Amino acid sequence: MLVEILRAKIHRVKITQLELNYVGSITIDKALLRASGLLPNEKVQVVNLQNGNRFETYVIEGEENSGIIGLNGPAARLALLGDVVIILAYAQMTLEEAKNYQPTVIFPDDNNRLLLS
């Protein structure tokens, strides 16, 4: 049996760009992708904290250290500039694998930049 487990999470980033006339997807700063382990073209769930919208789309790599979080295509209608979202990715694994699995969770600052420890 396989279960679906949280694999990666970018917690609380602001929408910086909306591009309605685009095929679709979410553009994410390459530095955030690297830190979270998310991959270009990976399916993600986006949760908007301002309006409660939850939707799925796929990742496009944005310019590194730009802070970009951009909604493209129809998803651009599900948020406003400055809305705060959580980006989630899941993985399927066996129950045994899931028992010890720890997801990667990152907490960027208010400008969508990595917090350095």
N, C-alpha and C. Protein backbone atom coordinates (compact mmCIF):
# COMPACT_ATOMS: atom_id res chain seq x y z
N MET A 1 0.84 -1.17 0.00
CA MET A 1 0.00 0.00 0.00
C MET A 1 0.89 1.24 0.00
N LEU A 2 0.47 2.25 -0.77
CA LEU A 2 1.17 3.53 -0.80
C LEU A 2 0.32 4.58 -0.11
N VAL A 3 0.99 5.50 0.57
CA VAL A 3 0.32 6.65 1.16
C VAL A 3 0.96 7.91 0.60
N GLU A 4 0.20 9.00 0.60
CA GLU A 4 0.73 10.27 0.09
C GLU A 4 1.16 11.12 1.28
N ILE A 5 2.43 11.50 1.29
CA ILE A 5 3.05 12.19 2.42
C ILE A 5 3.62 13.54 1.95
N LEU A 6 3.56 14.54 2.81
CA LEU A 6 4.19 15.82 2.50
C LEU A 6 5.68 15.59 2.24
N ARG A 7 6.17 16.09 1.10
CA ARG A 7 7.57 15.93 0.72
C ARG A 7 8.34 17.24 0.88
N ALA A 8 7.71 18.35 0.49
CA ALA A 8 8.38 19.65 0.53
C ALA A 8 7.35 20.74 0.76
N LYS A 9 7.79 21.81 1.45
CA LYS A 9 6.88 22.91 1.75
C LYS A 9 7.65 24.22 1.77
N ILE A 10 7.12 25.20 1.05
CA ILE A 10 7.61 26.58 1.16
C ILE A 10 6.51 27.32 1.92
N HIS A 11 6.83 27.73 3.14
CA HIS A 11 5.83 28.27 4.05
C HIS A 11 5.78 29.79 4.00
N ARG A 12 4.64 30.32 3.59
CA ARG A 12 4.34 31.75 3.64
C ARG A 12 5.26 32.61 2.77
N VAL A 13 4.99 32.60 1.47
CA VAL A 13 5.65 33.51 0.54
C VAL A 13 4.59 34.40 -0.10
N LYS A 14 5.02 35.58 -0.53
CA LYS A 14 4.11 36.55 -1.13
C LYS A 14 4.09 36.41 -2.65
N ILE A 15 2.92 36.56 -3.22
CA ILE A 15 2.78 36.59 -4.67
C ILE A 15 3.35 37.92 -5.17
N THR A 16 4.31 37.83 -6.09
CA THR A 16 4.97 39.05 -6.61
C THR A 16 4.63 39.32 -8.07
N GLN A 17 3.99 38.35 -8.74
CA GLN A 17 3.72 38.51 -10.17
C GLN A 17 2.48 37.71 -10.54
N LEU A 18 1.66 38.30 -11.42
CA LEU A 18 0.49 37.63 -11.97
C LEU A 18 0.54 37.78 -13.49
N GLU A 19 0.54 36.67 -14.22
CA GLU A 19 0.62 36.68 -15.69
C GLU A 19 -0.54 35.86 -16.25
N LEU A 20 -1.67 36.50 -16.45
CA LEU A 20 -2.86 35.79 -16.93
C LEU A 20 -2.65 35.17 -18.31
N ASN A 21 -2.01 35.88 -19.22
CA ASN A 21 -1.82 35.41 -20.59
C ASN A 21 -0.59 34.52 -20.71
N TYR A 22 -0.66 33.39 -20.04
CA TYR A 22 0.43 32.42 -20.04
C TYR A 22 -0.21 31.05 -19.97
N VAL A 23 0.51 30.04 -20.38
CA VAL A 23 -0.05 28.69 -20.44
C VAL A 23 -0.50 28.20 -19.07
N GLY A 24 0.23 28.51 -18.03
CA GLY A 24 -0.12 28.08 -16.68
C GLY A 24 1.09 27.71 -15.88
N SER A 25 0.98 27.70 -14.55
CA SER A 25 2.05 27.27 -13.66
C SER A 25 2.29 28.29 -12.56
N ILE A 26 3.29 28.00 -11.72
CA ILE A 26 3.77 28.93 -10.71
C ILE A 26 5.27 29.08 -10.89
N THR A 27 5.73 30.31 -10.98
CA THR A 27 7.16 30.60 -11.09
C THR A 27 7.70 30.81 -9.69
N ILE A 28 8.78 30.09 -9.36
CA ILE A 28 9.37 30.16 -8.02
C ILE A 28 10.87 30.43 -8.14
N ASP A 29 11.35 31.37 -7.36
CA ASP A 29 12.78 31.70 -7.27
C ASP A 29 13.61 30.41 -7.17
N LYS A 30 14.63 30.30 -8.01
CA LYS A 30 15.48 29.11 -8.05
C LYS A 30 16.11 28.80 -6.69
N ALA A 31 16.47 29.82 -5.93
CA ALA A 31 17.07 29.58 -4.61
C ALA A 31 16.07 28.89 -3.68
N LEU A 32 14.80 29.26 -3.76
CA LEU A 32 13.77 28.62 -2.95
C LEU A 32 13.53 27.19 -3.41
N LEU A 33 13.57 26.98 -4.73
CA LEU A 33 13.43 25.62 -5.25
C LEU A 33 14.54 24.73 -4.71
N ARG A 34 15.76 25.21 -4.81
CA ARG A 34 16.91 24.41 -4.36
C ARG A 34 16.78 24.08 -2.87
N ALA A 35 16.45 25.08 -2.07
CA ALA A 35 16.37 24.87 -0.62
C ALA A 35 15.24 23.93 -0.23
N SER A 36 14.13 23.98 -0.97
CA SER A 36 12.97 23.14 -0.64
C SER A 36 13.04 21.75 -1.27
N GLY A 37 13.86 21.62 -2.31
CA GLY A 37 13.92 20.35 -3.02
C GLY A 37 12.86 20.20 -4.10
N LEU A 38 12.08 21.26 -4.35
CA LEU A 38 11.10 21.21 -5.44
C LEU A 38 11.82 21.24 -6.78
N LEU A 39 11.21 20.63 -7.77
CA LEU A 39 11.81 20.51 -9.10
C LEU A 39 10.99 21.25 -10.14
N PRO A 40 11.63 21.79 -11.18
CA PRO A 40 10.87 22.34 -12.30
C PRO A 40 9.93 21.27 -12.86
N ASN A 41 8.74 21.67 -13.20
CA ASN A 41 7.68 20.83 -13.75
C ASN A 41 6.99 19.93 -12.72
N GLU A 42 7.43 19.99 -11.46
CA GLU A 42 6.79 19.18 -10.43
C GLU A 42 5.40 19.74 -10.10
N LYS A 43 4.45 18.84 -9.86
CA LYS A 43 3.10 19.23 -9.45
C LYS A 43 3.15 19.71 -8.00
N VAL A 44 2.51 20.85 -7.75
CA VAL A 44 2.43 21.40 -6.40
C VAL A 44 0.99 21.83 -6.10
N GLN A 45 0.71 21.91 -4.82
CA GLN A 45 -0.55 22.49 -4.36
C GLN A 45 -0.22 23.85 -3.78
N VAL A 46 -1.03 24.86 -4.11
CA VAL A 46 -0.83 26.21 -3.62
C VAL A 46 -2.05 26.56 -2.76
N VAL A 47 -1.79 27.04 -1.56
CA VAL A 47 -2.84 27.40 -0.62
C VAL A 47 -2.73 28.89 -0.34
N ASN A 48 -3.78 29.64 -0.66
CA ASN A 48 -3.78 31.09 -0.48
C ASN A 48 -4.36 31.42 0.89
N LEU A 49 -3.56 32.04 1.74
CA LEU A 49 -4.00 32.37 3.10
C LEU A 49 -4.97 33.54 3.14
N GLN A 50 -5.02 34.37 2.11
CA GLN A 50 -5.92 35.52 2.11
C GLN A 50 -7.36 35.13 1.74
N ASN A 51 -7.52 34.23 0.77
CA ASN A 51 -8.88 33.95 0.30
C ASN A 51 -9.28 32.48 0.40
N GLY A 52 -8.39 31.62 0.86
CA GLY A 52 -8.73 30.22 1.04
C GLY A 52 -8.64 29.36 -0.21
N ASN A 53 -8.32 29.95 -1.36
CA ASN A 53 -8.18 29.16 -2.59
C ASN A 53 -7.08 28.13 -2.44
N ARG A 54 -7.35 26.93 -2.92
CA ARG A 54 -6.35 25.84 -2.99
C ARG A 54 -6.40 25.32 -4.41
N PHE A 55 -5.23 25.21 -5.04
CA PHE A 55 -5.21 24.71 -6.40
C PHE A 55 -3.90 24.01 -6.68
N GLU A 56 -3.90 23.21 -7.74
CA GLU A 56 -2.70 22.50 -8.17
C GLU A 56 -2.22 23.07 -9.49
N THR A 57 -0.91 23.09 -9.64
CA THR A 57 -0.27 23.54 -10.87
C THR A 57 1.12 22.91 -10.90
N TYR A 58 1.97 23.39 -11.79
CA TYR A 58 3.33 22.86 -11.86
C TYR A 58 4.34 23.99 -11.75
N VAL A 59 5.56 23.65 -11.38
CA VAL A 59 6.61 24.61 -11.07
C VAL A 59 7.39 25.02 -12.31
N ILE A 60 7.66 26.31 -12.40
CA ILE A 60 8.62 26.87 -13.37
C ILE A 60 9.71 27.56 -12.55
N GLU A 61 10.94 27.33 -12.92
CA GLU A 61 12.08 27.93 -12.22
C GLU A 61 12.18 29.41 -12.56
N GLY A 62 12.23 30.25 -11.52
CA GLY A 62 12.40 31.69 -11.69
C GLY A 62 13.84 32.10 -11.44
N GLU A 63 14.11 33.35 -11.70
CA GLU A 63 15.47 33.88 -11.52
C GLU A 63 15.92 33.71 -10.08
N GLU A 64 17.15 33.23 -9.92
CA GLU A 64 17.70 32.97 -8.60
C GLU A 64 17.85 34.26 -7.78
N ASN A 65 17.45 34.20 -6.52
CA ASN A 65 17.52 35.31 -5.57
C ASN A 65 16.68 36.52 -5.97
N SER A 66 15.70 36.32 -6.83
CA SER A 66 14.82 37.40 -7.25
C SER A 66 13.63 37.57 -6.31
N GLY A 67 13.32 36.53 -5.55
CA GLY A 67 12.15 36.56 -4.69
C GLY A 67 10.85 36.34 -5.42
N ILE A 68 10.92 35.98 -6.70
CA ILE A 68 9.71 35.84 -7.50
C ILE A 68 8.86 34.64 -7.05
N ILE A 69 7.59 34.92 -6.89
CA ILE A 69 6.55 33.90 -6.76
C ILE A 69 5.45 34.39 -7.69
N GLY A 70 5.36 33.80 -8.86
CA GLY A 70 4.44 34.28 -9.87
C GLY A 70 3.40 33.25 -10.26
N LEU A 71 2.15 33.68 -10.28
CA LEU A 71 1.08 32.80 -10.75
C LEU A 71 0.81 33.12 -12.20
N ASN A 72 0.73 32.07 -13.01
CA ASN A 72 0.58 32.22 -14.45
C ASN A 72 -0.68 31.54 -14.93
N GLY A 73 -1.23 32.03 -16.05
CA GLY A 73 -2.42 31.43 -16.63
C GLY A 73 -3.61 31.57 -15.70
N PRO A 74 -4.53 30.59 -15.73
CA PRO A 74 -5.75 30.69 -14.92
C PRO A 74 -5.49 30.87 -13.43
N ALA A 75 -4.38 30.35 -12.92
CA ALA A 75 -4.07 30.49 -11.50
C ALA A 75 -3.91 31.96 -11.10
N ALA A 76 -3.58 32.82 -12.07
CA ALA A 76 -3.41 34.24 -11.78
C ALA A 76 -4.71 34.88 -11.31
N ARG A 77 -5.82 34.23 -11.55
CA ARG A 77 -7.12 34.75 -11.10
C ARG A 77 -7.44 34.33 -9.66
N LEU A 78 -6.58 33.51 -9.06
CA LEU A 78 -6.87 32.96 -7.74
C LEU A 78 -6.13 33.67 -6.61
N ALA A 79 -5.45 34.77 -6.93
CA ALA A 79 -4.72 35.53 -5.92
C ALA A 79 -4.56 36.97 -6.39
N LEU A 80 -4.18 37.81 -5.46
CA LEU A 80 -3.82 39.19 -5.75
C LEU A 80 -2.36 39.38 -5.43
N LEU A 81 -1.73 40.38 -6.03
CA LEU A 81 -0.35 40.70 -5.68
C LEU A 81 -0.27 40.93 -4.17
N GLY A 82 0.73 40.33 -3.55
CA GLY A 82 0.92 40.48 -2.12
C GLY A 82 0.24 39.43 -1.28
N ASP A 83 -0.66 38.63 -1.87
CA ASP A 83 -1.26 37.53 -1.11
C ASP A 83 -0.18 36.58 -0.63
N VAL A 84 -0.38 36.01 0.53
CA VAL A 84 0.58 35.07 1.10
C VAL A 84 0.07 33.65 0.83
N VAL A 85 0.97 32.80 0.32
CA VAL A 85 0.61 31.43 -0.02
C VAL A 85 1.59 30.45 0.62
N ILE A 86 1.14 29.21 0.70
CA ILE A 86 1.97 28.09 1.10
C ILE A 86 2.02 27.16 -0.11
N ILE A 87 3.21 26.67 -0.44
CA ILE A 87 3.40 25.79 -1.60
C ILE A 87 3.80 24.41 -1.07
N LEU A 88 3.06 23.39 -1.48
CA LEU A 88 3.23 22.04 -0.96
C LEU A 88 3.44 21.03 -2.08
N ALA A 89 4.29 20.06 -1.83
CA ALA A 89 4.46 18.93 -2.76
C ALA A 89 4.39 17.65 -1.94
N TYR A 90 3.83 16.63 -2.54
CA TYR A 90 3.63 15.35 -1.86
C TYR A 90 4.35 14.25 -2.62
N ALA A 91 4.60 13.15 -1.93
CA ALA A 91 5.21 11.98 -2.57
C ALA A 91 4.47 10.74 -2.09
N GLN A 92 4.42 9.74 -2.97
CA GLN A 92 3.85 8.47 -2.57
C GLN A 92 4.96 7.57 -2.07
N MET A 93 4.69 6.89 -0.97
CA MET A 93 5.68 5.96 -0.42
C MET A 93 4.95 4.88 0.36
N THR A 94 5.69 3.83 0.65
CA THR A 94 5.10 2.75 1.42
C THR A 94 4.90 3.21 2.87
N LEU A 95 4.08 2.48 3.60
CA LEU A 95 3.87 2.80 5.01
C LEU A 95 5.18 2.77 5.78
N GLU A 96 6.03 1.81 5.48
CA GLU A 96 7.33 1.70 6.16
C GLU A 96 8.20 2.92 5.87
N GLU A 97 8.27 3.33 4.60
CA GLU A 97 9.05 4.52 4.25
C GLU A 97 8.49 5.76 4.94
N ALA A 98 7.18 5.87 4.98
CA ALA A 98 6.52 7.06 5.53
C ALA A 98 6.76 7.22 7.03
N LYS A 99 6.92 6.13 7.74
CA LYS A 99 7.09 6.19 9.20
C LYS A 99 8.30 7.02 9.62
N ASN A 100 9.34 7.01 8.83
CA ASN A 100 10.57 7.72 9.20
C ASN A 100 10.89 8.90 8.30
N TYR A 101 10.01 9.20 7.35
CA TYR A 101 10.30 10.26 6.40
C TYR A 101 10.11 11.64 7.04
N GLN A 102 11.02 12.55 6.76
CA GLN A 102 10.93 13.93 7.23
C GLN A 102 10.90 14.86 6.02
N PRO A 103 9.83 15.62 5.84
CA PRO A 103 9.76 16.53 4.70
C PRO A 103 10.73 17.70 4.85
N THR A 104 11.05 18.34 3.74
CA THR A 104 11.84 19.57 3.76
C THR A 104 10.86 20.73 3.83
N VAL A 105 11.03 21.57 4.84
CA VAL A 105 10.16 22.73 5.02
C VAL A 105 11.05 23.96 5.17
N ILE A 106 10.79 24.98 4.35
CA ILE A 106 11.57 26.22 4.45
C ILE A 106 10.64 27.37 4.80
N PHE A 107 11.21 28.37 5.47
CA PHE A 107 10.48 29.53 5.97
C PHE A 107 11.15 30.80 5.46
N PRO A 108 10.85 31.24 4.23
CA PRO A 108 11.47 32.45 3.70
C PRO A 108 11.05 33.69 4.50
N ASP A 109 11.80 34.78 4.31
CA ASP A 109 11.46 36.04 4.99
C ASP A 109 10.33 36.76 4.25
N ASP A 110 10.02 37.98 4.68
CA ASP A 110 8.90 38.74 4.10
C ASP A 110 9.15 39.17 2.65
N ASN A 111 10.39 39.02 2.17
CA ASN A 111 10.72 39.37 0.78
C ASN A 111 10.96 38.12 -0.06
N ASN A 112 10.49 36.97 0.41
CA ASN A 112 10.64 35.69 -0.29
C ASN A 112 12.10 35.28 -0.45
N ARG A 113 12.92 35.67 0.50
CA ARG A 113 14.33 35.28 0.47
C ARG A 113 14.58 34.29 1.59
N LEU A 114 15.57 33.44 1.41
CA LEU A 114 15.91 32.44 2.42
C LEU A 114 16.42 33.11 3.68
N LEU A 115 15.98 32.60 4.81
CA LEU A 115 16.52 33.06 6.09
C LEU A 115 17.82 32.32 6.33
N LEU A 116 18.87 33.04 6.59
CA LEU A 116 20.16 32.41 6.85
C LEU A 116 20.32 32.15 8.33
N SER A 117 20.83 30.96 8.65
CA SER A 117 21.00 30.64 10.07
C SER A 117 22.44 30.79 10.49
